Amino acid sequence: MLDGQSSATTPIHDVVVGKKPAQTVVMVEYPSREAVDMVFGSEEYAAVIPHRDRAFLDYAITIIDDPVDPLLQMPVSS
């Protein structure tokens, strides 16, 4: 299986849109979109979904493109 690499974990302090802040945001970098689809479509991930659903009231997975430096409008190198 293709493993993701945790690239950042950070607490959230302010809500710009929405009613409550996320407690934590974890960014994980995968080598490709296909790798993401493989992980979240796997039998192993399906097996932990009942545990995930009991552990989290609100859980989201968001896909972003390559991070962009907002000042330079250029992709950030890893």
N, C-alpha and C. Protein backbone atom coordinates (compact mmCIF):
# COMPACT_ATOMS: atom_id res chain seq x y z
N MET A 1 0.84 -1.17 0.00
CA MET A 1 0.00 0.00 0.00
C MET A 1 0.89 1.24 0.00
N LEU A 2 0.43 2.29 -0.63
CA LEU A 2 1.17 3.55 -0.66
C LEU A 2 0.84 4.35 0.58
N ASP A 3 1.86 4.66 1.35
CA ASP A 3 1.65 5.42 2.58
C ASP A 3 1.79 6.90 2.34
N GLY A 4 0.95 7.67 3.00
CA GLY A 4 1.07 9.12 2.97
C GLY A 4 2.07 9.58 4.00
N GLN A 5 2.56 10.77 3.83
CA GLN A 5 3.52 11.35 4.77
C GLN A 5 2.88 12.59 5.39
N SER A 6 2.83 12.62 6.72
CA SER A 6 2.25 13.77 7.40
C SER A 6 3.17 14.96 7.20
N SER A 7 2.62 16.04 6.63
CA SER A 7 3.46 17.20 6.35
C SER A 7 3.23 18.33 7.34
N ALA A 8 2.10 18.31 8.06
CA ALA A 8 1.86 19.36 9.04
C ALA A 8 0.68 18.98 9.93
N THR A 9 0.76 19.39 11.18
CA THR A 9 -0.36 19.29 12.11
C THR A 9 -0.42 20.62 12.83
N THR A 10 -1.58 21.22 12.87
CA THR A 10 -1.68 22.54 13.48
C THR A 10 -3.03 22.76 14.12
N PRO A 11 -3.07 23.41 15.28
CA PRO A 11 -4.37 23.75 15.87
C PRO A 11 -5.01 24.90 15.10
N ILE A 12 -6.32 24.99 15.15
CA ILE A 12 -7.06 26.06 14.48
C ILE A 12 -7.54 27.04 15.55
N HIS A 13 -7.36 28.35 15.32
CA HIS A 13 -7.71 29.35 16.31
C HIS A 13 -8.92 30.19 15.95
N ASP A 14 -9.20 30.41 14.68
CA ASP A 14 -10.30 31.28 14.28
C ASP A 14 -11.15 30.60 13.22
N VAL A 15 -12.44 30.93 13.23
CA VAL A 15 -13.35 30.45 12.20
C VAL A 15 -13.69 31.62 11.30
N VAL A 16 -13.46 31.46 10.02
CA VAL A 16 -13.82 32.50 9.05
C VAL A 16 -15.18 32.17 8.46
N VAL A 17 -15.42 30.90 8.16
CA VAL A 17 -16.70 30.45 7.64
C VAL A 17 -17.10 29.22 8.45
N GLY A 18 -18.30 29.17 8.91
CA GLY A 18 -18.77 28.03 9.68
C GLY A 18 -19.08 28.40 11.10
N LYS A 19 -19.58 27.43 11.86
CA LYS A 19 -20.03 27.70 13.22
C LYS A 19 -19.00 27.36 14.28
N LYS A 20 -18.10 26.46 13.99
CA LYS A 20 -17.10 26.08 15.00
C LYS A 20 -15.80 25.70 14.30
N PRO A 21 -14.70 25.91 14.99
CA PRO A 21 -13.41 25.57 14.37
C PRO A 21 -13.16 24.07 14.41
N ALA A 22 -12.39 23.60 13.48
CA ALA A 22 -11.90 22.24 13.56
C ALA A 22 -10.93 22.21 14.74
N GLN A 23 -10.88 21.11 15.46
CA GLN A 23 -9.94 21.03 16.58
C GLN A 23 -8.51 20.95 16.06
N THR A 24 -8.31 20.21 15.01
CA THR A 24 -6.98 20.03 14.43
C THR A 24 -7.12 19.74 12.95
N VAL A 25 -6.17 20.22 12.18
CA VAL A 25 -6.08 19.90 10.76
C VAL A 25 -4.76 19.17 10.55
N VAL A 26 -4.83 18.03 9.91
CA VAL A 26 -3.62 17.26 9.60
C VAL A 26 -3.50 17.20 8.09
N MET A 27 -2.37 17.66 7.58
CA MET A 27 -2.13 17.58 6.14
C MET A 27 -1.23 16.39 5.87
N VAL A 28 -1.64 15.55 4.93
CA VAL A 28 -0.87 14.38 4.55
C VAL A 28 -0.60 14.47 3.06
N GLU A 29 0.64 14.28 2.69
CA GLU A 29 1.04 14.36 1.28
C GLU A 29 1.17 12.96 0.71
N TYR A 30 0.49 12.72 -0.40
CA TYR A 30 0.56 11.45 -1.11
C TYR A 30 1.27 11.69 -2.44
N PRO A 31 1.90 10.65 -2.98
CA PRO A 31 2.66 10.84 -4.22
C PRO A 31 1.79 11.16 -5.44
N SER A 32 0.50 10.81 -5.39
CA SER A 32 -0.38 11.06 -6.54
C SER A 32 -1.84 10.94 -6.10
N ARG A 33 -2.72 11.42 -6.94
CA ARG A 33 -4.16 11.27 -6.68
C ARG A 33 -4.54 9.80 -6.69
N GLU A 34 -3.91 9.03 -7.54
CA GLU A 34 -4.18 7.59 -7.61
C GLU A 34 -3.85 6.92 -6.27
N ALA A 35 -2.77 7.37 -5.63
CA ALA A 35 -2.40 6.82 -4.32
C ALA A 35 -3.47 7.13 -3.28
N VAL A 36 -4.01 8.35 -3.32
CA VAL A 36 -5.09 8.75 -2.40
C VAL A 36 -6.29 7.84 -2.61
N ASP A 37 -6.68 7.66 -3.87
CA ASP A 37 -7.83 6.81 -4.18
C ASP A 37 -7.59 5.38 -3.73
N MET A 38 -6.36 4.90 -3.88
CA MET A 38 -6.02 3.55 -3.45
C MET A 38 -6.18 3.39 -1.94
N VAL A 39 -5.68 4.36 -1.19
CA VAL A 39 -5.75 4.28 0.27
C VAL A 39 -7.19 4.32 0.75
N PHE A 40 -7.96 5.34 0.32
CA PHE A 40 -9.30 5.52 0.84
C PHE A 40 -10.32 4.57 0.21
N GLY A 41 -9.92 3.88 -0.83
CA GLY A 41 -10.77 2.86 -1.43
C GLY A 41 -10.38 1.45 -1.04
N SER A 42 -9.40 1.33 -0.14
CA SER A 42 -8.88 0.01 0.23
C SER A 42 -9.78 -0.72 1.23
N GLU A 43 -9.64 -2.04 1.26
CA GLU A 43 -10.36 -2.86 2.24
C GLU A 43 -9.90 -2.51 3.65
N GLU A 44 -8.62 -2.19 3.81
CA GLU A 44 -8.08 -1.83 5.12
C GLU A 44 -8.75 -0.56 5.65
N TYR A 45 -8.92 0.44 4.79
CA TYR A 45 -9.57 1.67 5.24
C TYR A 45 -11.05 1.42 5.53
N ALA A 46 -11.70 0.64 4.69
CA ALA A 46 -13.11 0.32 4.90
C ALA A 46 -13.30 -0.36 6.27
N ALA A 47 -12.33 -1.16 6.68
CA ALA A 47 -12.44 -1.87 7.96
C ALA A 47 -12.39 -0.93 9.16
N VAL A 48 -11.75 0.22 9.04
CA VAL A 48 -11.65 1.13 10.19
C VAL A 48 -12.75 2.20 10.19
N ILE A 49 -13.55 2.26 9.15
CA ILE A 49 -14.60 3.29 9.08
C ILE A 49 -15.56 3.24 10.27
N PRO A 50 -16.02 2.08 10.72
CA PRO A 50 -16.90 2.08 11.90
C PRO A 50 -16.23 2.70 13.14
N HIS A 51 -14.95 2.46 13.33
CA HIS A 51 -14.21 3.02 14.45
C HIS A 51 -14.04 4.53 14.26
N ARG A 52 -13.74 4.94 13.05
CA ARG A 52 -13.60 6.36 12.73
C ARG A 52 -14.91 7.09 13.02
N ASP A 53 -16.01 6.51 12.60
CA ASP A 53 -17.31 7.16 12.79
C ASP A 53 -17.71 7.27 14.25
N ARG A 54 -17.27 6.33 15.09
CA ARG A 54 -17.54 6.42 16.52
C ARG A 54 -16.62 7.44 17.19
N ALA A 55 -15.42 7.60 16.67
CA ALA A 55 -14.42 8.47 17.30
C ALA A 55 -14.61 9.95 16.96
N PHE A 56 -15.17 10.25 15.79
CA PHE A 56 -15.27 11.64 15.33
C PHE A 56 -16.72 12.01 15.05
N LEU A 57 -17.15 13.15 15.60
CA LEU A 57 -18.48 13.66 15.27
C LEU A 57 -18.48 14.29 13.89
N ASP A 58 -17.36 14.90 13.53
CA ASP A 58 -17.21 15.58 12.24
C ASP A 58 -15.86 15.20 11.67
N TYR A 59 -15.84 14.66 10.48
CA TYR A 59 -14.60 14.17 9.88
C TYR A 59 -14.66 14.48 8.40
N ALA A 60 -13.62 15.08 7.88
CA ALA A 60 -13.59 15.42 6.46
C ALA A 60 -12.22 15.13 5.88
N ILE A 61 -12.22 14.73 4.64
CA ILE A 61 -10.98 14.55 3.89
C ILE A 61 -11.10 15.48 2.69
N THR A 62 -10.12 16.34 2.54
CA THR A 62 -10.13 17.32 1.46
C THR A 62 -8.88 17.15 0.62
N ILE A 63 -9.06 17.19 -0.68
CA ILE A 63 -7.94 17.08 -1.62
C ILE A 63 -7.58 18.48 -2.08
N ILE A 64 -6.30 18.81 -2.01
CA ILE A 64 -5.84 20.09 -2.55
C ILE A 64 -4.78 19.82 -3.60
N ASP A 65 -4.61 20.77 -4.50
CA ASP A 65 -3.53 20.67 -5.48
C ASP A 65 -2.23 21.01 -4.79
N ASP A 66 -1.15 21.04 -5.56
CA ASP A 66 0.14 21.42 -4.99
C ASP A 66 0.02 22.74 -4.26
N PRO A 67 0.58 22.83 -3.04
CA PRO A 67 0.53 24.10 -2.32
C PRO A 67 1.18 25.22 -3.12
N VAL A 68 0.60 26.40 -3.03
CA VAL A 68 1.13 27.55 -3.76
C VAL A 68 1.51 28.63 -2.76
N ASP A 69 2.69 29.21 -2.94
CA ASP A 69 3.13 30.33 -2.10
C ASP A 69 2.28 31.52 -2.49
N PRO A 70 1.43 32.05 -1.57
CA PRO A 70 0.50 33.12 -1.94
C PRO A 70 1.20 34.41 -2.37
N LEU A 71 2.41 34.65 -1.90
CA LEU A 71 3.12 35.87 -2.28
C LEU A 71 3.72 35.76 -3.68
N LEU A 72 4.20 34.58 -4.00
CA LEU A 72 4.85 34.40 -5.30
C LEU A 72 3.93 33.77 -6.34
N GLN A 73 2.81 33.21 -5.88
CA GLN A 73 1.88 32.49 -6.76
C GLN A 73 2.62 31.39 -7.54
N MET A 74 3.55 30.75 -6.86
CA MET A 74 4.33 29.66 -7.46
C MET A 74 4.20 28.42 -6.56
N PRO A 75 4.26 27.23 -7.14
CA PRO A 75 4.20 26.01 -6.32
C PRO A 75 5.32 26.01 -5.29
N VAL A 76 4.99 25.54 -4.10
CA VAL A 76 5.97 25.41 -3.04
C VAL A 76 6.67 24.08 -3.22
N SER A 77 7.99 24.09 -3.24
CA SER A 77 8.72 22.83 -3.40
C SER A 77 8.76 22.12 -2.06
N SER A 78 8.76 20.77 -2.11
CA SER A 78 8.78 20.02 -0.86
C SER A 78 10.17 19.80 -0.37
